[in-house]
Amino acid sequence: MEIAELLSEDRIVLGLRVRDKRSLIAELARLIAPHTVGVSATEIERALLMREQLGSTGLGSGFALPHARLGGLAAFVGLFVRLARPVDFDAIDDKPVDTVFVLLIPDSTADHVAVLAAITRRFRDADLRAAVRSAATPAEIARILTQR
């Protein structure tokens, strides 16, 4: 699965201001909920927090990939957020996070590991991380994330 199948320009948010990890997750749930059918922001927030209890999804280099399985989803749903300023996310490298890709996973699917791996591979690329950090518009970020 390609990022273009998970993300659209209307699911890219730039300059989000949050205080901490907890408020970030609440905002992520609020922002992605309108793009899901039959799943509330409260359910999404709860699922993301439960996943974080298993271990931080802060993957290093300022990037986090919070994700959760949710019943009631018909398809994967993605959201990309660039923060106005980094927040502590208990990342693997202890560095704060400023770029976040949220992935909601249908409970009925078994191929989520491949999708998570594909996103992770893209964000391991230092040039890609620099490009999304300097991009001026959601359209530019969509182009960067979806180009092969």
N, C-alpha and C. Protein backbone atom coordinates (compact mmCIF):
# COMPACT_ATOMS: atom_id res chain seq x y z
N MET A 1 0.84 -1.18 0.00
CA MET A 1 0.00 0.00 0.00
C MET A 1 0.89 1.24 0.00
N GLU A 2 0.52 2.22 -0.80
CA GLU A 2 1.28 3.46 -0.93
C GLU A 2 0.69 4.54 -0.01
N ILE A 3 1.51 5.50 0.38
CA ILE A 3 1.05 6.60 1.22
C ILE A 3 -0.08 7.36 0.54
N ALA A 4 -0.07 7.45 -0.78
CA ALA A 4 -1.14 8.15 -1.50
C ALA A 4 -2.51 7.53 -1.23
N GLU A 5 -2.54 6.24 -0.91
CA GLU A 5 -3.80 5.58 -0.59
C GLU A 5 -4.28 5.89 0.83
N LEU A 6 -3.38 6.40 1.66
CA LEU A 6 -3.67 6.65 3.08
C LEU A 6 -3.92 8.11 3.38
N LEU A 7 -3.45 8.99 2.52
CA LEU A 7 -3.36 10.40 2.86
C LEU A 7 -3.85 11.26 1.70
N SER A 8 -4.55 12.32 2.04
CA SER A 8 -4.94 13.31 1.04
C SER A 8 -4.59 14.68 1.59
N GLU A 9 -4.58 15.67 0.73
CA GLU A 9 -4.19 17.01 1.12
C GLU A 9 -5.00 17.55 2.31
N ASP A 10 -6.26 17.17 2.38
CA ASP A 10 -7.11 17.66 3.47
C ASP A 10 -6.81 16.96 4.80
N ARG A 11 -5.90 15.99 4.78
CA ARG A 11 -5.47 15.32 6.00
C ARG A 11 -3.99 15.60 6.29
N ILE A 12 -3.59 16.82 5.96
CA ILE A 12 -2.25 17.30 6.27
C ILE A 12 -2.42 18.62 7.02
N VAL A 13 -1.87 18.68 8.22
CA VAL A 13 -2.02 19.85 9.08
C VAL A 13 -0.63 20.40 9.41
N LEU A 14 -0.46 21.69 9.19
CA LEU A 14 0.82 22.35 9.45
C LEU A 14 0.68 23.33 10.61
N GLY A 15 1.70 23.38 11.46
CA GLY A 15 1.75 24.37 12.51
C GLY A 15 0.86 24.11 13.71
N LEU A 16 0.53 22.84 13.95
CA LEU A 16 -0.31 22.50 15.10
C LEU A 16 0.43 22.84 16.39
N ARG A 17 -0.26 23.51 17.31
CA ARG A 17 0.32 23.88 18.60
C ARG A 17 -0.27 23.03 19.70
N VAL A 18 0.58 22.30 20.41
CA VAL A 18 0.16 21.48 21.54
C VAL A 18 1.18 21.63 22.66
N ARG A 19 0.77 21.28 23.87
CA ARG A 19 1.65 21.41 25.05
C ARG A 19 2.54 20.21 25.25
N ASP A 20 1.97 19.01 25.01
CA ASP A 20 2.68 17.78 25.38
C ASP A 20 2.11 16.61 24.59
N LYS A 21 2.64 15.43 24.86
CA LYS A 21 2.23 14.22 24.15
C LYS A 21 0.73 13.96 24.32
N ARG A 22 0.24 14.10 25.53
CA ARG A 22 -1.17 13.82 25.81
C ARG A 22 -2.09 14.75 25.01
N SER A 23 -1.76 16.03 25.00
CA SER A 23 -2.60 16.97 24.23
C SER A 23 -2.44 16.75 22.73
N LEU A 24 -1.25 16.32 22.31
CA LEU A 24 -1.05 15.99 20.89
C LEU A 24 -1.96 14.84 20.47
N ILE A 25 -2.00 13.80 21.26
CA ILE A 25 -2.84 12.65 20.90
C ILE A 25 -4.31 13.04 20.87
N ALA A 26 -4.74 13.87 21.81
CA ALA A 26 -6.13 14.35 21.81
C ALA A 26 -6.43 15.13 20.53
N GLU A 27 -5.50 16.00 20.13
CA GLU A 27 -5.69 16.78 18.90
C GLU A 27 -5.66 15.90 17.66
N LEU A 28 -4.77 14.93 17.64
CA LEU A 28 -4.72 14.01 16.50
C LEU A 28 -6.06 13.29 16.33
N ALA A 29 -6.62 12.83 17.44
CA ALA A 29 -7.92 12.14 17.40
C ALA A 29 -9.00 13.08 16.89
N ARG A 30 -9.00 14.31 17.37
CA ARG A 30 -10.01 15.29 16.95
C ARG A 30 -9.88 15.59 15.45
N LEU A 31 -8.65 15.70 14.96
CA LEU A 31 -8.41 16.04 13.56
C LEU A 31 -8.74 14.89 12.60
N ILE A 32 -8.49 13.66 13.02
CA ILE A 32 -8.71 12.54 12.10
C ILE A 32 -10.14 12.01 12.16
N ALA A 33 -10.84 12.23 13.26
CA ALA A 33 -12.20 11.69 13.43
C ALA A 33 -13.16 12.05 12.29
N PRO A 34 -13.15 13.28 11.76
CA PRO A 34 -14.07 13.58 10.66
C PRO A 34 -13.83 12.75 9.39
N HIS A 35 -12.69 12.10 9.32
CA HIS A 35 -12.35 11.31 8.14
C HIS A 35 -12.65 9.82 8.34
N THR A 36 -13.26 9.51 9.47
CA THR A 36 -13.68 8.14 9.74
C THR A 36 -15.21 8.12 9.80
N VAL A 37 -15.80 7.01 9.50
CA VAL A 37 -17.25 6.88 9.58
C VAL A 37 -17.57 5.96 10.74
N GLY A 38 -18.35 6.46 11.68
CA GLY A 38 -18.79 5.63 12.79
C GLY A 38 -17.78 5.45 13.91
N VAL A 39 -16.70 6.22 13.89
CA VAL A 39 -15.70 6.13 14.96
C VAL A 39 -15.50 7.54 15.52
N SER A 40 -15.69 7.70 16.80
CA SER A 40 -15.61 9.03 17.41
C SER A 40 -14.17 9.40 17.78
N ALA A 41 -13.96 10.69 17.98
CA ALA A 41 -12.65 11.18 18.43
C ALA A 41 -12.28 10.55 19.76
N THR A 42 -13.26 10.36 20.63
CA THR A 42 -13.00 9.74 21.93
C THR A 42 -12.50 8.32 21.78
N GLU A 43 -13.12 7.55 20.88
CA GLU A 43 -12.67 6.17 20.64
C GLU A 43 -11.26 6.15 20.06
N ILE A 44 -11.00 7.07 19.14
CA ILE A 44 -9.68 7.13 18.51
C ILE A 44 -8.62 7.51 19.54
N GLU A 45 -8.91 8.52 20.35
CA GLU A 45 -7.96 8.93 21.38
C GLU A 45 -7.67 7.79 22.34
N ARG A 46 -8.70 7.10 22.77
CA ARG A 46 -8.53 5.98 23.70
C ARG A 46 -7.65 4.89 23.07
N ALA A 47 -7.90 4.57 21.80
CA ALA A 47 -7.13 3.52 21.12
C ALA A 47 -5.67 3.94 20.95
N LEU A 48 -5.42 5.21 20.59
CA LEU A 48 -4.04 5.68 20.44
C LEU A 48 -3.31 5.68 21.78
N LEU A 49 -3.99 6.08 22.84
CA LEU A 49 -3.37 6.07 24.16
C LEU A 49 -3.06 4.65 24.63
N MET A 50 -3.98 3.73 24.36
CA MET A 50 -3.73 2.34 24.73
C MET A 50 -2.50 1.80 24.01
N ARG A 51 -2.37 2.14 22.72
CA ARG A 51 -1.20 1.69 21.95
C ARG A 51 0.08 2.29 22.53
N GLU A 52 0.04 3.56 22.93
CA GLU A 52 1.23 4.21 23.49
C GLU A 52 1.64 3.56 24.81
N GLN A 53 0.70 2.99 25.53
CA GLN A 53 1.03 2.31 26.79
C GLN A 53 1.89 1.07 26.54
N LEU A 54 1.79 0.50 25.35
CA LEU A 54 2.60 -0.67 25.00
C LEU A 54 4.05 -0.28 24.73
N GLY A 55 4.26 0.97 24.37
CA GLY A 55 5.58 1.49 24.03
C GLY A 55 5.40 2.68 23.11
N SER A 56 6.29 3.62 23.23
CA SER A 56 6.17 4.84 22.44
C SER A 56 6.29 4.54 20.94
N THR A 57 5.48 5.27 20.18
CA THR A 57 5.56 5.19 18.72
C THR A 57 6.44 6.32 18.17
N GLY A 58 7.19 6.97 19.07
CA GLY A 58 8.19 7.94 18.64
C GLY A 58 9.40 7.18 18.11
N LEU A 59 9.59 7.22 16.80
CA LEU A 59 10.58 6.36 16.15
C LEU A 59 11.96 6.98 15.99
N GLY A 60 12.11 8.21 16.45
CA GLY A 60 13.41 8.86 16.36
C GLY A 60 13.48 9.90 15.27
N SER A 61 14.49 10.74 15.35
CA SER A 61 14.73 11.81 14.38
C SER A 61 13.55 12.77 14.28
N GLY A 62 12.82 12.94 15.38
CA GLY A 62 11.71 13.88 15.41
C GLY A 62 10.42 13.38 14.80
N PHE A 63 10.34 12.07 14.52
CA PHE A 63 9.17 11.49 13.86
C PHE A 63 8.45 10.50 14.77
N ALA A 64 7.12 10.57 14.76
CA ALA A 64 6.29 9.61 15.50
C ALA A 64 5.24 9.04 14.56
N LEU A 65 4.89 7.78 14.80
CA LEU A 65 3.90 7.07 14.00
C LEU A 65 2.84 6.45 14.92
N PRO A 66 2.05 7.30 15.59
CA PRO A 66 0.99 6.74 16.43
C PRO A 66 -0.03 6.00 15.56
N HIS A 67 -0.44 4.84 16.01
CA HIS A 67 -1.36 4.03 15.23
C HIS A 67 -2.20 3.18 16.17
N ALA A 68 -3.35 2.75 15.66
CA ALA A 68 -4.23 1.91 16.46
C ALA A 68 -5.19 1.17 15.55
N ARG A 69 -5.56 -0.01 16.00
CA ARG A 69 -6.60 -0.79 15.32
C ARG A 69 -7.95 -0.36 15.89
N LEU A 70 -8.92 -0.21 15.00
CA LEU A 70 -10.25 0.22 15.43
C LEU A 70 -11.32 -0.58 14.70
N GLY A 71 -12.25 -1.12 15.47
CA GLY A 71 -13.41 -1.76 14.86
C GLY A 71 -14.27 -0.68 14.22
N GLY A 72 -14.95 -1.03 13.18
CA GLY A 72 -15.84 -0.08 12.53
C GLY A 72 -15.21 0.67 11.37
N LEU A 73 -13.90 0.59 11.21
CA LEU A 73 -13.25 1.24 10.07
C LEU A 73 -13.34 0.33 8.85
N ALA A 74 -13.65 0.91 7.71
CA ALA A 74 -13.72 0.14 6.48
C ALA A 74 -12.36 0.09 5.76
N ALA A 75 -11.52 1.10 6.04
CA ALA A 75 -10.23 1.21 5.36
C ALA A 75 -9.24 1.93 6.26
N PHE A 76 -7.96 1.83 5.90
CA PHE A 76 -6.93 2.58 6.60
C PHE A 76 -7.21 4.07 6.46
N VAL A 77 -6.87 4.84 7.49
CA VAL A 77 -7.00 6.29 7.43
C VAL A 77 -5.71 6.90 7.97
N GLY A 78 -5.13 7.81 7.21
CA GLY A 78 -3.90 8.47 7.62
C GLY A 78 -4.08 9.96 7.80
N LEU A 79 -3.20 10.55 8.58
CA LEU A 79 -3.17 11.99 8.83
C LEU A 79 -1.72 12.36 9.09
N PHE A 80 -1.25 13.43 8.44
CA PHE A 80 0.10 13.92 8.69
C PHE A 80 0.02 15.27 9.38
N VAL A 81 0.81 15.45 10.43
CA VAL A 81 0.83 16.70 11.18
C VAL A 81 2.28 17.14 11.39
N ARG A 82 2.51 18.43 11.13
CA ARG A 82 3.78 19.04 11.47
C ARG A 82 3.50 20.04 12.59
N LEU A 83 4.20 19.89 13.68
CA LEU A 83 3.96 20.73 14.85
C LEU A 83 4.64 22.09 14.72
N ALA A 84 4.07 23.08 15.38
CA ALA A 84 4.66 24.42 15.41
C ALA A 84 5.98 24.37 16.18
N ARG A 85 6.00 23.57 17.24
CA ARG A 85 7.25 23.36 17.97
C ARG A 85 7.25 21.92 18.51
N PRO A 86 8.42 21.31 18.59
CA PRO A 86 8.51 19.91 19.01
C PRO A 86 8.02 19.69 20.44
N VAL A 87 7.51 18.47 20.69
CA VAL A 87 7.11 18.07 22.04
C VAL A 87 7.77 16.74 22.38
N ASP A 88 7.98 16.54 23.67
CA ASP A 88 8.51 15.27 24.14
C ASP A 88 7.49 14.18 23.85
N PHE A 89 7.96 13.05 23.31
CA PHE A 89 7.06 11.96 22.93
C PHE A 89 7.60 10.62 23.43
N ASP A 90 8.57 10.66 24.33
CA ASP A 90 9.22 9.44 24.81
C ASP A 90 9.78 8.62 23.67
N ALA A 91 10.34 9.31 22.68
CA ALA A 91 10.85 8.64 21.48
C ALA A 91 12.05 7.77 21.81
N ILE A 92 12.32 6.83 20.94
CA ILE A 92 13.39 5.88 21.11
C ILE A 92 14.75 6.56 21.28
N ASP A 93 14.93 7.73 20.64
CA ASP A 93 16.20 8.46 20.74
C ASP A 93 16.14 9.61 21.75
N ASP A 94 15.04 9.68 22.52
CA ASP A 94 14.83 10.72 23.53
C ASP A 94 14.76 12.13 22.96
N LYS A 95 14.60 12.27 21.66
CA LYS A 95 14.48 13.59 21.04
C LYS A 95 13.00 13.93 20.87
N PRO A 96 12.67 15.23 20.94
CA PRO A 96 11.27 15.62 20.77
C PRO A 96 10.80 15.38 19.34
N VAL A 97 9.50 15.33 19.19
CA VAL A 97 8.85 15.03 17.92
C VAL A 97 8.24 16.30 17.33
N ASP A 98 8.42 16.49 16.02
CA ASP A 98 7.78 17.61 15.34
C ASP A 98 7.01 17.18 14.09
N THR A 99 7.18 15.93 13.67
CA THR A 99 6.43 15.40 12.53
C THR A 99 5.75 14.10 12.97
N VAL A 100 4.47 14.00 12.61
CA VAL A 100 3.66 12.88 13.08
C VAL A 100 2.81 12.35 11.93
N PHE A 101 2.83 11.05 11.76
CA PHE A 101 1.92 10.40 10.81
C PHE A 101 1.04 9.46 11.63
N VAL A 102 -0.25 9.75 11.67
CA VAL A 102 -1.21 8.92 12.40
C VAL A 102 -1.79 7.91 11.43
N LEU A 103 -1.91 6.66 11.87
CA LEU A 103 -2.52 5.63 11.03
C LEU A 103 -3.56 4.89 11.84
N LEU A 104 -4.78 4.91 11.34
CA LEU A 104 -5.86 4.11 11.91
C LEU A 104 -6.04 2.88 11.04
N ILE A 105 -6.13 1.74 11.70
CA ILE A 105 -6.10 0.46 11.01
C ILE A 105 -7.43 -0.26 11.23
N PRO A 106 -8.06 -0.73 10.16
CA PRO A 106 -9.29 -1.51 10.34
C PRO A 106 -9.00 -2.78 11.14
N ASP A 107 -9.86 -3.08 12.07
CA ASP A 107 -9.68 -4.25 12.92
C ASP A 107 -9.67 -5.55 12.12
N SER A 108 -10.29 -5.51 10.95
CA SER A 108 -10.45 -6.73 10.15
C SER A 108 -9.27 -7.01 9.22
N THR A 109 -8.23 -6.19 9.24
CA THR A 109 -7.13 -6.38 8.31
C THR A 109 -5.94 -7.06 8.99
N ALA A 110 -5.17 -7.77 8.19
CA ALA A 110 -3.99 -8.45 8.71
C ALA A 110 -2.70 -7.87 8.13
N ASP A 111 -2.80 -6.94 7.17
CA ASP A 111 -1.60 -6.45 6.49
C ASP A 111 -1.10 -5.11 7.04
N HIS A 112 -1.45 -4.79 8.27
CA HIS A 112 -1.05 -3.50 8.83
C HIS A 112 0.45 -3.38 9.06
N VAL A 113 1.13 -4.47 9.32
CA VAL A 113 2.57 -4.41 9.57
C VAL A 113 3.30 -3.91 8.32
N ALA A 114 2.88 -4.36 7.16
CA ALA A 114 3.50 -3.92 5.91
C ALA A 114 3.26 -2.43 5.68
N VAL A 115 2.08 -1.96 6.03
CA VAL A 115 1.76 -0.54 5.85
C VAL A 115 2.60 0.30 6.82
N LEU A 116 2.68 -0.11 8.07
CA LEU A 116 3.52 0.60 9.04
C LEU A 116 4.97 0.62 8.59
N ALA A 117 5.45 -0.49 8.08
CA ALA A 117 6.83 -0.57 7.61
C ALA A 117 7.08 0.37 6.43
N ALA A 118 6.12 0.47 5.53
CA ALA A 118 6.27 1.36 4.36
C ALA A 118 6.38 2.82 4.79
N ILE A 119 5.56 3.22 5.75
CA ILE A 119 5.61 4.60 6.25
C ILE A 119 6.94 4.84 6.96
N THR A 120 7.33 3.91 7.80
CA THR A 120 8.59 4.03 8.54
C THR A 120 9.78 4.15 7.60
N ARG A 121 9.79 3.34 6.55
CA ARG A 121 10.89 3.40 5.57
C ARG A 121 11.00 4.80 4.96
N ARG A 122 9.86 5.38 4.59
CA ARG A 122 9.87 6.72 3.98
C ARG A 122 10.49 7.74 4.94
N PHE A 123 10.11 7.67 6.22
CA PHE A 123 10.56 8.67 7.18
C PHE A 123 11.96 8.40 7.73
N ARG A 124 12.56 7.30 7.38
CA ARG A 124 13.97 7.07 7.73
C ARG A 124 14.89 7.90 6.85
N ASP A 125 14.36 8.34 5.73
CA ASP A 125 15.13 9.12 4.76
C ASP A 125 15.28 10.56 5.27
N ALA A 126 16.52 10.95 5.59
CA ALA A 126 16.79 12.29 6.12
C ALA A 126 16.37 13.39 5.16
N ASP A 127 16.53 13.16 3.86
CA ASP A 127 16.13 14.17 2.88
C ASP A 127 14.62 14.37 2.88
N LEU A 128 13.87 13.29 3.01
CA LEU A 128 12.41 13.39 3.07
C LEU A 128 12.01 14.16 4.34
N ARG A 129 12.61 13.83 5.47
CA ARG A 129 12.27 14.53 6.72
C ARG A 129 12.56 16.01 6.59
N ALA A 130 13.68 16.36 6.00
CA ALA A 130 14.02 17.78 5.82
C ALA A 130 13.02 18.46 4.89
N ALA A 131 12.63 17.76 3.84
CA ALA A 131 11.69 18.34 2.87
C ALA A 131 10.33 18.61 3.50
N VAL A 132 9.80 17.67 4.30
CA VAL A 132 8.49 17.91 4.91
C VAL A 132 8.58 18.99 5.99
N ARG A 133 9.73 19.13 6.60
CA ARG A 133 9.90 20.19 7.62
C ARG A 133 9.97 21.57 6.99
N SER A 134 10.43 21.66 5.76
CA SER A 134 10.56 22.97 5.12
C SER A 134 9.43 23.28 4.14
N ALA A 135 8.58 22.34 3.85
CA ALA A 135 7.48 22.56 2.91
C ALA A 135 6.54 23.64 3.43
N ALA A 136 6.02 24.43 2.52
CA ALA A 136 5.18 25.57 2.90
C ALA A 136 3.69 25.26 2.91
N THR A 137 3.27 24.23 2.17
CA THR A 137 1.84 23.98 2.04
C THR A 137 1.52 22.49 2.17
N PRO A 138 0.27 22.17 2.51
CA PRO A 138 -0.13 20.76 2.50
C PRO A 138 0.05 20.10 1.13
N ALA A 139 -0.19 20.85 0.07
CA ALA A 139 -0.02 20.29 -1.28
C ALA A 139 1.43 19.86 -1.52
N GLU A 140 2.35 20.68 -1.06
CA GLU A 140 3.77 20.35 -1.23
C GLU A 140 4.14 19.11 -0.42
N ILE A 141 3.62 19.01 0.81
CA ILE A 141 3.90 17.83 1.62
C ILE A 141 3.27 16.59 0.99
N ALA A 142 2.05 16.71 0.49
CA ALA A 142 1.41 15.57 -0.18
C ALA A 142 2.28 15.09 -1.34
N ARG A 143 2.79 16.02 -2.12
CA ARG A 143 3.64 15.65 -3.25
C ARG A 143 4.90 14.93 -2.76
N ILE A 144 5.54 15.46 -1.72
CA ILE A 144 6.77 14.87 -1.19
C ILE A 144 6.51 13.45 -0.67
N LEU A 145 5.42 13.29 0.08
CA LEU A 145 5.14 11.99 0.69
C LEU A 145 4.66 10.93 -0.30
N THR A 146 4.07 11.37 -1.40
CA THR A 146 3.50 10.40 -2.33
C THR A 146 4.38 10.13 -3.55
N GLN A 147 5.43 10.91 -3.74
CA GLN A 147 6.32 10.60 -4.87
C GLN A 147 7.11 9.35 -4.57
N ARG A 148 7.42 8.62 -5.60
CA ARG A 148 8.15 7.35 -5.42
C ARG A 148 9.62 7.59 -5.31
